[in-house]
Amino acid sequence: MGSFDNGQTVEVMGQVRGVQMNPPGNGGGGTFQLLLENGDVIVSPYPEEWHLEVGAAFQANDVRRAVVSGIGEYSPDGKLQRIREIESFSVAWADDWQPAFQRRAKLRSDT
């Protein structure tokens, strides 16, 4: 892999697309994949104490978006490659949460 410009602060919003928990004894926490608005997928670690928040964002990824800030690693051409260290994790409603919620409600009523 190429060299990275490390240590730049970053804040991104995206859809949590996958969560991987660390095996027991490896310090807890894990990593998650974040689908950004531009279609890029980046990976970020998360500490064990944020597992519930990360897992909940993954489960509700059709109506919620994660807002993540931390230290990003960028390629030489300035493209964000991954988040090396997470500093905050929060969630916000997706802009199109009402249609997604209505689709979910319709699916439930069809069963």
N, C-alpha and C. Protein backbone atom coordinates (compact mmCIF):
# COMPACT_ATOMS: atom_id res chain seq x y z
N MET A 1 0.84 -1.16 0.00
CA MET A 1 0.00 0.00 0.00
C MET A 1 0.89 1.24 0.00
N GLY A 2 0.40 2.34 -0.57
CA GLY A 2 1.19 3.56 -0.67
C GLY A 2 1.35 4.24 0.67
N SER A 3 2.11 5.32 0.67
CA SER A 3 2.31 6.05 1.91
C SER A 3 1.11 6.94 2.18
N PHE A 4 0.85 7.19 3.45
CA PHE A 4 -0.28 7.98 3.86
C PHE A 4 0.20 9.22 4.58
N ASP A 5 -0.55 10.31 4.46
CA ASP A 5 -0.33 11.50 5.25
C ASP A 5 -1.18 11.32 6.50
N ASN A 6 -0.54 11.00 7.61
CA ASN A 6 -1.26 10.64 8.82
C ASN A 6 -1.50 11.85 9.71
N GLY A 7 -2.52 11.74 10.52
CA GLY A 7 -2.73 12.70 11.58
C GLY A 7 -3.60 13.90 11.25
N GLN A 8 -4.38 13.85 10.20
CA GLN A 8 -5.27 14.96 9.89
C GLN A 8 -6.65 14.71 10.49
N THR A 9 -7.20 15.74 11.12
CA THR A 9 -8.53 15.64 11.70
C THR A 9 -9.56 15.52 10.59
N VAL A 10 -10.55 14.67 10.81
CA VAL A 10 -11.59 14.46 9.80
C VAL A 10 -12.93 14.29 10.51
N GLU A 11 -14.00 14.75 9.84
CA GLU A 11 -15.36 14.46 10.29
C GLU A 11 -16.15 14.05 9.06
N VAL A 12 -16.77 12.89 9.12
CA VAL A 12 -17.53 12.36 7.98
C VAL A 12 -18.87 11.85 8.46
N MET A 13 -19.80 11.77 7.52
CA MET A 13 -21.11 11.18 7.80
C MET A 13 -21.35 10.08 6.77
N GLY A 14 -21.90 8.98 7.23
CA GLY A 14 -22.18 7.91 6.30
C GLY A 14 -23.02 6.82 6.92
N GLN A 15 -23.26 5.81 6.11
CA GLN A 15 -24.08 4.66 6.51
C GLN A 15 -23.16 3.56 7.02
N VAL A 16 -23.41 3.07 8.22
CA VAL A 16 -22.63 1.96 8.76
C VAL A 16 -23.05 0.70 8.01
N ARG A 17 -22.11 0.10 7.27
CA ARG A 17 -22.42 -1.02 6.39
C ARG A 17 -21.93 -2.36 6.92
N GLY A 18 -21.07 -2.37 7.89
CA GLY A 18 -20.58 -3.62 8.44
C GLY A 18 -19.87 -3.37 9.75
N VAL A 19 -19.96 -4.32 10.67
CA VAL A 19 -19.31 -4.21 11.98
C VAL A 19 -18.57 -5.50 12.23
N GLN A 20 -17.32 -5.39 12.64
CA GLN A 20 -16.51 -6.56 12.98
C GLN A 20 -16.01 -6.38 14.41
N MET A 21 -16.45 -7.26 15.30
CA MET A 21 -15.98 -7.18 16.69
C MET A 21 -14.63 -7.87 16.80
N ASN A 22 -13.75 -7.31 17.65
CA ASN A 22 -12.48 -7.96 17.93
C ASN A 22 -12.73 -9.25 18.71
N PRO A 23 -11.88 -10.27 18.50
CA PRO A 23 -12.01 -11.49 19.29
C PRO A 23 -11.78 -11.21 20.78
N PRO A 24 -12.35 -12.03 21.66
CA PRO A 24 -12.13 -11.85 23.10
C PRO A 24 -10.63 -11.82 23.41
N GLY A 25 -10.26 -10.95 24.32
CA GLY A 25 -8.86 -10.84 24.71
C GLY A 25 -8.05 -9.89 23.87
N ASN A 26 -8.65 -9.29 22.83
CA ASN A 26 -7.93 -8.34 21.98
C ASN A 26 -8.32 -6.90 22.27
N GLY A 27 -8.70 -6.60 23.50
CA GLY A 27 -8.97 -5.23 23.89
C GLY A 27 -10.38 -4.75 23.61
N GLY A 28 -11.28 -5.63 23.20
CA GLY A 28 -12.65 -5.20 22.94
C GLY A 28 -12.74 -4.32 21.71
N GLY A 29 -13.92 -3.77 21.50
CA GLY A 29 -14.11 -2.91 20.33
C GLY A 29 -14.07 -3.69 19.05
N GLY A 30 -13.67 -2.99 17.99
CA GLY A 30 -13.60 -3.63 16.68
C GLY A 30 -13.45 -2.59 15.60
N THR A 31 -13.98 -2.90 14.43
CA THR A 31 -13.95 -1.97 13.31
C THR A 31 -15.33 -1.94 12.66
N PHE A 32 -15.60 -0.86 11.94
CA PHE A 32 -16.82 -0.78 11.16
C PHE A 32 -16.52 -0.14 9.82
N GLN A 33 -17.36 -0.49 8.85
CA GLN A 33 -17.26 0.11 7.52
C GLN A 33 -18.29 1.22 7.42
N LEU A 34 -17.88 2.32 6.81
CA LEU A 34 -18.74 3.47 6.66
C LEU A 34 -18.83 3.83 5.19
N LEU A 35 -20.06 3.79 4.64
CA LEU A 35 -20.32 4.18 3.27
C LEU A 35 -20.56 5.68 3.24
N LEU A 36 -19.65 6.43 2.61
CA LEU A 36 -19.76 7.87 2.56
C LEU A 36 -20.73 8.31 1.47
N GLU A 37 -21.14 9.56 1.52
CA GLU A 37 -22.08 10.11 0.54
C GLU A 37 -21.55 9.99 -0.89
N ASN A 38 -20.22 10.06 -1.06
CA ASN A 38 -19.64 10.01 -2.41
C ASN A 38 -19.46 8.58 -2.92
N GLY A 39 -19.89 7.58 -2.13
CA GLY A 39 -19.80 6.19 -2.55
C GLY A 39 -18.56 5.46 -2.06
N ASP A 40 -17.60 6.19 -1.48
CA ASP A 40 -16.41 5.54 -0.92
C ASP A 40 -16.77 4.79 0.36
N VAL A 41 -16.08 3.69 0.60
CA VAL A 41 -16.23 2.94 1.84
C VAL A 41 -14.90 3.03 2.58
N ILE A 42 -14.96 3.50 3.82
CA ILE A 42 -13.76 3.57 4.65
C ILE A 42 -13.96 2.71 5.88
N VAL A 43 -12.88 2.39 6.54
CA VAL A 43 -12.91 1.57 7.74
C VAL A 43 -12.45 2.41 8.91
N SER A 44 -13.08 2.21 10.04
CA SER A 44 -12.72 2.91 11.26
C SER A 44 -12.73 1.94 12.44
N PRO A 45 -11.77 2.08 13.34
CA PRO A 45 -11.83 1.30 14.58
C PRO A 45 -12.84 1.95 15.52
N TYR A 46 -13.30 1.18 16.50
CA TYR A 46 -14.10 1.78 17.56
C TYR A 46 -13.76 1.08 18.88
N PRO A 47 -13.79 1.84 19.98
CA PRO A 47 -13.50 1.23 21.29
C PRO A 47 -14.69 0.44 21.81
N GLU A 48 -14.43 -0.45 22.70
CA GLU A 48 -15.46 -1.34 23.25
C GLU A 48 -16.64 -0.58 23.83
N GLU A 49 -16.40 0.56 24.47
CA GLU A 49 -17.50 1.29 25.11
C GLU A 49 -18.50 1.88 24.11
N TRP A 50 -18.18 1.90 22.82
CA TRP A 50 -19.10 2.41 21.80
C TRP A 50 -19.74 1.29 20.99
N HIS A 51 -19.63 0.06 21.45
CA HIS A 51 -20.18 -1.05 20.68
C HIS A 51 -21.69 -0.94 20.48
N LEU A 52 -22.44 -0.56 21.52
CA LEU A 52 -23.89 -0.46 21.39
C LEU A 52 -24.28 0.60 20.36
N GLU A 53 -23.61 1.76 20.39
CA GLU A 53 -23.92 2.84 19.45
C GLU A 53 -23.61 2.43 18.02
N VAL A 54 -22.45 1.80 17.81
CA VAL A 54 -22.05 1.37 16.47
C VAL A 54 -23.00 0.28 15.97
N GLY A 55 -23.32 -0.68 16.83
CA GLY A 55 -24.24 -1.75 16.45
C GLY A 55 -25.63 -1.22 16.13
N ALA A 56 -26.11 -0.26 16.92
CA ALA A 56 -27.44 0.32 16.67
C ALA A 56 -27.46 1.08 15.34
N ALA A 57 -26.37 1.79 15.02
CA ALA A 57 -26.30 2.52 13.75
C ALA A 57 -26.30 1.54 12.58
N PHE A 58 -25.66 0.39 12.76
CA PHE A 58 -25.66 -0.63 11.72
C PHE A 58 -27.07 -1.19 11.51
N GLN A 59 -27.76 -1.48 12.60
CA GLN A 59 -29.11 -2.05 12.50
C GLN A 59 -30.11 -1.09 11.88
N ALA A 60 -29.93 0.20 12.09
CA ALA A 60 -30.87 1.21 11.57
C ALA A 60 -30.26 1.99 10.42
N ASN A 61 -29.39 1.35 9.64
CA ASN A 61 -28.63 2.09 8.63
C ASN A 61 -29.48 2.64 7.49
N ASP A 62 -30.73 2.22 7.38
CA ASP A 62 -31.58 2.79 6.34
C ASP A 62 -32.17 4.14 6.75
N VAL A 63 -32.23 4.43 8.04
CA VAL A 63 -32.81 5.70 8.50
C VAL A 63 -31.86 6.54 9.34
N ARG A 64 -30.73 6.00 9.72
CA ARG A 64 -29.77 6.73 10.55
C ARG A 64 -28.42 6.78 9.84
N ARG A 65 -27.68 7.85 10.08
CA ARG A 65 -26.33 8.02 9.55
C ARG A 65 -25.38 8.26 10.71
N ALA A 66 -24.22 7.68 10.64
CA ALA A 66 -23.20 7.89 11.65
C ALA A 66 -22.42 9.15 11.32
N VAL A 67 -22.12 9.92 12.34
CA VAL A 67 -21.26 11.10 12.22
C VAL A 67 -20.01 10.77 13.03
N VAL A 68 -18.89 10.64 12.33
CA VAL A 68 -17.66 10.17 12.95
C VAL A 68 -16.59 11.24 12.81
N SER A 69 -15.90 11.52 13.90
CA SER A 69 -14.73 12.40 13.81
C SER A 69 -13.55 11.68 14.44
N GLY A 70 -12.38 12.02 13.95
CA GLY A 70 -11.18 11.39 14.46
C GLY A 70 -9.97 11.80 13.64
N ILE A 71 -9.00 10.92 13.61
CA ILE A 71 -7.77 11.15 12.86
C ILE A 71 -7.81 10.29 11.61
N GLY A 72 -7.77 10.94 10.45
CA GLY A 72 -7.87 10.23 9.19
C GLY A 72 -6.52 10.00 8.55
N GLU A 73 -6.46 8.98 7.73
CA GLU A 73 -5.28 8.71 6.90
C GLU A 73 -5.69 8.95 5.46
N TYR A 74 -4.89 9.73 4.77
CA TYR A 74 -5.18 10.13 3.40
C TYR A 74 -4.11 9.60 2.45
N SER A 75 -4.52 9.33 1.22
CA SER A 75 -3.58 8.94 0.18
C SER A 75 -2.82 10.20 -0.26
N PRO A 76 -1.72 10.04 -1.00
CA PRO A 76 -0.97 11.21 -1.48
C PRO A 76 -1.81 12.18 -2.31
N ASP A 77 -2.87 11.68 -2.96
CA ASP A 77 -3.72 12.57 -3.76
C ASP A 77 -4.84 13.21 -2.94
N GLY A 78 -4.82 13.02 -1.62
CA GLY A 78 -5.76 13.70 -0.73
C GLY A 78 -7.05 12.96 -0.47
N LYS A 79 -7.19 11.72 -0.90
CA LYS A 79 -8.40 10.94 -0.69
C LYS A 79 -8.35 10.25 0.67
N LEU A 80 -9.43 10.38 1.43
CA LEU A 80 -9.51 9.71 2.73
C LEU A 80 -9.49 8.21 2.52
N GLN A 81 -8.57 7.53 3.18
CA GLN A 81 -8.43 6.08 3.05
C GLN A 81 -9.09 5.34 4.21
N ARG A 82 -8.91 5.86 5.42
CA ARG A 82 -9.50 5.23 6.59
C ARG A 82 -9.40 6.18 7.77
N ILE A 83 -10.09 5.86 8.83
CA ILE A 83 -9.94 6.59 10.08
C ILE A 83 -9.06 5.75 10.98
N ARG A 84 -7.97 6.33 11.41
CA ARG A 84 -7.01 5.60 12.23
C ARG A 84 -7.43 5.59 13.69
N GLU A 85 -7.97 6.70 14.15
CA GLU A 85 -8.36 6.82 15.56
C GLU A 85 -9.67 7.58 15.63
N ILE A 86 -10.66 7.00 16.28
CA ILE A 86 -11.97 7.64 16.39
C ILE A 86 -11.99 8.49 17.66
N GLU A 87 -12.54 9.69 17.53
CA GLU A 87 -12.66 10.59 18.69
C GLU A 87 -14.10 10.76 19.13
N SER A 88 -15.03 10.72 18.18
CA SER A 88 -16.45 10.78 18.55
C SER A 88 -17.28 10.00 17.53
N PHE A 89 -18.40 9.50 18.01
CA PHE A 89 -19.34 8.75 17.19
C PHE A 89 -20.73 9.15 17.63
N SER A 90 -21.53 9.65 16.70
CA SER A 90 -22.92 9.99 17.00
C SER A 90 -23.76 9.61 15.79
N VAL A 91 -25.06 9.68 15.94
CA VAL A 91 -25.94 9.33 14.83
C VAL A 91 -26.90 10.48 14.57
N ALA A 92 -27.35 10.57 13.32
CA ALA A 92 -28.31 11.57 12.89
C ALA A 92 -29.30 10.90 11.95
N TRP A 93 -30.48 11.48 11.85
CA TRP A 93 -31.46 10.96 10.91
C TRP A 93 -30.95 11.15 9.50
N ALA A 94 -31.15 10.17 8.66
CA ALA A 94 -30.84 10.31 7.24
C ALA A 94 -31.83 11.32 6.65
N ASP A 95 -31.39 12.04 5.63
CA ASP A 95 -32.27 13.03 5.00
C ASP A 95 -33.55 12.42 4.47
N ASP A 96 -33.46 11.17 4.03
CA ASP A 96 -34.63 10.52 3.46
C ASP A 96 -35.25 9.50 4.42
N TRP A 97 -35.24 9.82 5.71
CA TRP A 97 -35.69 8.84 6.70
C TRP A 97 -37.18 8.53 6.57
N GLN A 98 -38.00 9.49 6.14
CA GLN A 98 -39.43 9.21 6.07
C GLN A 98 -39.77 8.14 5.03
N PRO A 99 -39.25 8.23 3.77
CA PRO A 99 -39.54 7.15 2.82
C PRO A 99 -39.02 5.79 3.29
N ALA A 100 -37.83 5.79 3.91
CA ALA A 100 -37.27 4.52 4.39
C ALA A 100 -38.14 3.96 5.52
N PHE A 101 -38.61 4.83 6.41
CA PHE A 101 -39.46 4.39 7.50
C PHE A 101 -40.79 3.85 6.96
N GLN A 102 -41.35 4.53 5.96
CA GLN A 102 -42.60 4.08 5.38
C GLN A 102 -42.44 2.73 4.68
N ARG A 103 -41.29 2.52 4.00
CA ARG A 103 -41.03 1.21 3.37
C ARG A 103 -40.97 0.13 4.44
N ARG A 104 -40.28 0.41 5.54
CA ARG A 104 -40.17 -0.56 6.63
C ARG A 104 -41.55 -0.87 7.21
N ALA A 105 -42.37 0.17 7.43
CA ALA A 105 -43.71 -0.03 7.99
C ALA A 105 -44.57 -0.83 7.02
N LYS A 106 -44.47 -0.57 5.72
CA LYS A 106 -45.24 -1.31 4.72
C LYS A 106 -44.83 -2.78 4.72
N LEU A 107 -43.53 -3.05 4.79
CA LEU A 107 -43.07 -4.43 4.82
C LEU A 107 -43.62 -5.17 6.03
N ARG A 108 -43.66 -4.49 7.17
CA ARG A 108 -44.19 -5.13 8.37
C ARG A 108 -45.69 -5.39 8.24
N SER A 109 -46.43 -4.48 7.61
CA SER A 109 -47.87 -4.65 7.50
C SER A 109 -48.24 -5.73 6.47
N ASP A 110 -47.31 -6.04 5.57
CA ASP A 110 -47.55 -7.07 4.56
C ASP A 110 -47.39 -8.49 5.10
N THR A 111 -46.82 -8.61 6.30
CA THR A 111 -46.57 -9.95 6.85
C THR A 111 -47.69 -10.43 7.72
